[in-house]
């Protein structure tokens, strides 16, 4: 408004460089990507995580989080981080699979991240074979989520199929890392 008033006082049109707006809106989609970094997720399975993180950043640029997990959960990008997505992708590329798999802990961490999201739709994307090797049952945490999408290796998805069936989520299987963006787009497309 100040630029418009000054331009009018000078009897000239306001220049484009003088004008700006603030756009307040509620994002339509928030995504929390959970990357299994346990011992069963190595090589190409972990490579899919970087592709999936980049796809999540593109699909939900306003609100997306990236976490990895084995026994403990590591936050690579929190839901409201201002850091460019490339930092999370780089961090995932450095992961090496090790240790046990705490799927329940990861799902609870995703719920915590998404609890602060403003988006109308909140989706947890779990990139894992879903083979929980700790003592905690992941089913209660999975059922507590708004939406659960599991991206599982095509050659090792029996536990993922079972979790999705019991929790009411959706499943897409990946034959290679290159399948991740299309699988994510198709699953989120609804």
Protein backbone atom coordinates (compact mmCIF):
# COMPACT_ATOMS: atom_id res chain seq x y z
CA UNK A 1 0.00 0.00 0.00
CA UNK A 2 2.88 2.38 0.75
CA UNK A 3 4.25 1.94 -2.78
CA UNK A 4 0.85 2.62 -4.31
CA UNK A 5 0.36 5.74 -2.20
CA UNK A 6 3.84 7.05 -3.06
CA UNK A 7 3.33 6.41 -6.78
CA UNK A 8 -0.03 8.14 -6.73
CA UNK A 9 1.46 11.16 -4.94
CA UNK A 10 4.15 11.34 -7.64
CA UNK A 11 1.43 10.96 -10.34
CA UNK A 12 3.02 7.86 -11.81
CA UNK A 13 2.13 4.18 -11.98
CA UNK A 14 3.72 1.94 -9.36
CA UNK A 15 6.56 -0.19 -10.72
CA UNK A 16 6.41 -3.97 -10.50
CA UNK A 17 9.51 -4.00 -8.31
CA UNK A 18 7.65 -1.85 -5.76
CA UNK A 19 4.70 -4.20 -5.42
CA UNK A 20 4.56 -7.37 -3.33
CA UNK A 21 1.95 -9.43 -1.57
CA UNK A 22 1.72 -11.94 1.19
CA UNK A 23 -0.24 -15.07 0.40
CA UNK A 24 -1.77 -16.84 3.38
CA UNK A 25 -3.08 -20.27 2.56
CA UNK A 26 -3.36 -23.69 4.04
CA UNK A 27 -1.25 -26.27 2.20
CA UNK A 28 -3.25 -29.10 0.73
CA UNK A 29 -0.73 -31.83 1.57
CA UNK A 30 1.83 -32.57 4.29
CA UNK A 31 4.12 -35.58 3.93
CA UNK A 32 6.42 -37.28 6.41
CA UNK A 33 8.81 -39.71 4.73
CA UNK A 34 10.15 -42.49 6.94
CA UNK A 35 13.23 -44.25 5.57
CA UNK A 36 14.13 -47.65 6.99
CA UNK A 37 17.91 -47.62 7.56
CA UNK A 38 18.12 -50.97 9.33
CA UNK A 39 20.26 -53.91 8.31
CA UNK A 40 17.78 -55.26 5.77
CA UNK A 41 17.67 -51.98 3.84
CA UNK A 42 20.93 -51.59 1.93
CA UNK A 43 22.14 -50.64 -1.53
CA UNK A 44 19.33 -50.06 -4.00
CA UNK A 45 16.73 -50.04 -1.23
CA UNK A 46 18.42 -47.05 0.41
CA UNK A 47 19.00 -45.41 -2.96
CA UNK A 48 15.23 -45.32 -3.37
CA UNK A 49 15.07 -43.09 -0.30
CA UNK A 50 16.79 -40.17 -2.04
CA UNK A 51 14.48 -40.45 -5.05
CA UNK A 52 11.45 -40.62 -2.76
CA UNK A 53 12.60 -37.63 -0.70
CA UNK A 54 12.98 -35.54 -3.85
CA UNK A 55 9.51 -36.63 -4.99
CA UNK A 56 8.04 -35.72 -1.59
CA UNK A 57 9.64 -32.29 -1.75
CA UNK A 58 8.06 -31.74 -5.14
CA UNK A 59 4.60 -33.02 -4.10
CA UNK A 60 4.44 -31.18 -0.73
CA UNK A 61 6.94 -28.31 -0.88
CA UNK A 62 5.39 -26.42 2.01
CA UNK A 63 5.25 -29.16 4.60
CA UNK A 64 7.35 -32.27 4.35
CA UNK A 65 9.60 -34.07 6.79
CA UNK A 66 12.26 -36.71 6.21
CA UNK A 67 13.22 -39.15 8.97
CA UNK A 68 15.32 -42.30 8.95
CA UNK A 69 15.15 -45.08 11.48
CA UNK A 70 16.72 -48.27 12.67
CA UNK A 71 16.45 -48.61 16.46
CA UNK A 72 16.34 -44.81 16.86
CA UNK A 73 14.81 -42.13 14.66
CA UNK A 74 16.96 -39.45 13.03
CA UNK A 75 15.39 -36.25 11.67
CA UNK A 76 16.92 -35.20 8.34
CA UNK A 77 14.34 -32.48 7.74
CA UNK A 78 11.57 -31.43 10.13
CA UNK A 79 8.11 -30.59 8.85
CA UNK A 80 8.61 -26.80 9.03
CA UNK A 81 12.32 -26.63 8.16
CA UNK A 82 13.43 -23.79 5.93
CA UNK A 83 16.45 -25.73 4.65
CA UNK A 84 16.41 -26.62 0.95
CA UNK A 85 15.29 -30.20 0.20
CA UNK A 86 18.69 -31.02 -1.29
CA UNK A 87 20.15 -31.18 2.24
CA UNK A 88 17.77 -33.99 3.21
CA UNK A 89 18.47 -35.83 -0.05
CA UNK A 90 22.24 -35.54 0.49
CA UNK A 91 21.84 -36.78 4.06
CA UNK A 92 19.88 -39.84 2.90
CA UNK A 93 22.51 -40.67 0.29
CA UNK A 94 25.03 -41.01 3.13
CA UNK A 95 22.93 -43.59 5.04
CA UNK A 96 24.25 -47.11 5.56
CA UNK A 97 21.84 -49.82 6.67
CA UNK A 98 22.50 -51.23 10.14
CA UNK A 99 20.82 -52.50 13.28
CA UNK A 100 17.29 -53.44 14.25
CA UNK A 101 14.06 -52.05 12.86
CA UNK A 102 11.77 -50.06 15.14
CA UNK A 103 8.79 -49.48 12.87
CA UNK A 104 6.57 -48.46 15.80
CA UNK A 105 9.05 -45.79 16.94
CA UNK A 106 9.30 -44.41 13.42
CA UNK A 107 5.52 -44.24 12.98
CA UNK A 108 5.17 -42.44 16.32
CA UNK A 109 7.83 -39.92 15.24
CA UNK A 110 5.93 -39.33 11.99
CA UNK A 111 2.75 -38.66 13.95
CA UNK A 112 4.65 -36.10 16.05
CA UNK A 113 5.95 -34.34 12.93
CA UNK A 114 2.56 -34.28 11.21
CA UNK A 115 0.74 -33.09 14.35
CA UNK A 116 2.11 -29.59 13.73
CA UNK A 117 1.27 -29.52 10.01
CA UNK A 118 -1.37 -27.06 8.78
CA UNK A 119 -2.28 -29.12 5.71
CA UNK A 120 -5.70 -30.63 5.32
CA UNK A 121 -4.20 -33.97 4.24
CA UNK A 122 -1.39 -35.57 6.27
CA UNK A 123 0.35 -38.59 4.79
CA UNK A 124 3.05 -40.81 6.26
CA UNK A 125 5.15 -42.48 3.57
CA UNK A 126 7.01 -45.49 4.97
CA UNK A 127 9.84 -46.75 2.78
CA UNK A 128 10.48 -50.16 4.37
CA UNK A 129 10.07 -53.91 4.23
CA UNK A 130 8.18 -53.38 7.56
CA UNK A 131 10.03 -56.23 9.26
CA UNK A 132 9.92 -54.95 12.85
CA UNK A 133 12.78 -56.56 14.76
CA UNK A 134 12.31 -54.85 18.11
CA UNK A 135 9.78 -55.69 20.79
CA UNK A 136 7.15 -53.04 19.86
CA UNK A 137 4.09 -53.83 17.75
CA UNK A 138 3.78 -51.20 14.97
CA UNK A 139 0.04 -51.73 14.44
CA UNK A 140 -1.27 -49.25 17.08
CA UNK A 141 1.04 -46.50 15.80
CA UNK A 142 0.08 -47.26 12.18
CA UNK A 143 -3.64 -47.09 12.97
CA UNK A 144 -3.19 -43.72 14.71
CA UNK A 145 -1.97 -42.03 11.50
CA UNK A 146 -4.25 -40.05 9.20
CA UNK A 147 -2.94 -41.84 6.09
CA UNK A 148 -0.26 -44.48 5.71
CA UNK A 149 1.42 -45.29 2.42
CA UNK A 150 4.05 -48.04 2.43
CA UNK A 151 6.60 -48.29 -0.37
CA UNK A 152 8.13 -51.76 -0.01
CA UNK A 153 10.71 -53.72 -1.99
CA UNK A 154 8.82 -55.89 -4.49
CA UNK A 155 10.91 -58.93 -3.61
CA UNK A 156 10.45 -58.58 0.18
CA UNK A 157 7.03 -57.18 1.01
CA UNK A 158 5.14 -59.85 3.01
CA UNK A 159 5.32 -57.90 6.31
CA UNK A 160 4.42 -54.66 4.53
CA UNK A 161 1.36 -56.29 2.96
CA UNK A 162 0.26 -57.52 6.39
CA UNK A 163 0.79 -54.14 8.11
CA UNK A 164 -1.09 -52.25 5.41
CA UNK A 165 -3.97 -54.72 5.46
CA UNK A 166 -4.35 -54.55 9.25
CA UNK A 167 -3.79 -50.77 9.54
CA UNK A 168 -5.95 -49.72 6.60
CA UNK A 169 -3.09 -48.16 4.64
CA UNK A 170 -2.00 -48.40 1.02
CA UNK A 171 0.92 -50.29 -0.49
CA UNK A 172 3.09 -49.80 -3.54
CA UNK A 173 5.97 -52.12 -4.34
CA UNK A 174 9.27 -51.01 -5.84
CA UNK A 175 11.39 -53.13 -8.16
CA UNK A 176 14.09 -50.45 -8.25
CA UNK A 177 14.82 -46.93 -6.96
CA UNK A 178 13.54 -45.53 -10.24
CA UNK A 179 10.02 -46.80 -9.39
CA UNK A 180 9.72 -44.60 -6.29
CA UNK A 181 8.60 -41.25 -7.79
CA UNK A 182 5.89 -42.80 -9.97
CA UNK A 183 4.63 -45.03 -7.14
CA UNK A 184 4.44 -42.02 -4.82
CA UNK A 185 2.67 -39.88 -7.42
CA UNK A 186 0.11 -42.61 -8.13
CA UNK A 187 -0.55 -43.27 -4.44
CA UNK A 188 -0.89 -39.57 -3.57
CA UNK A 189 -2.89 -38.78 -6.67
CA UNK A 190 -6.22 -39.55 -5.14
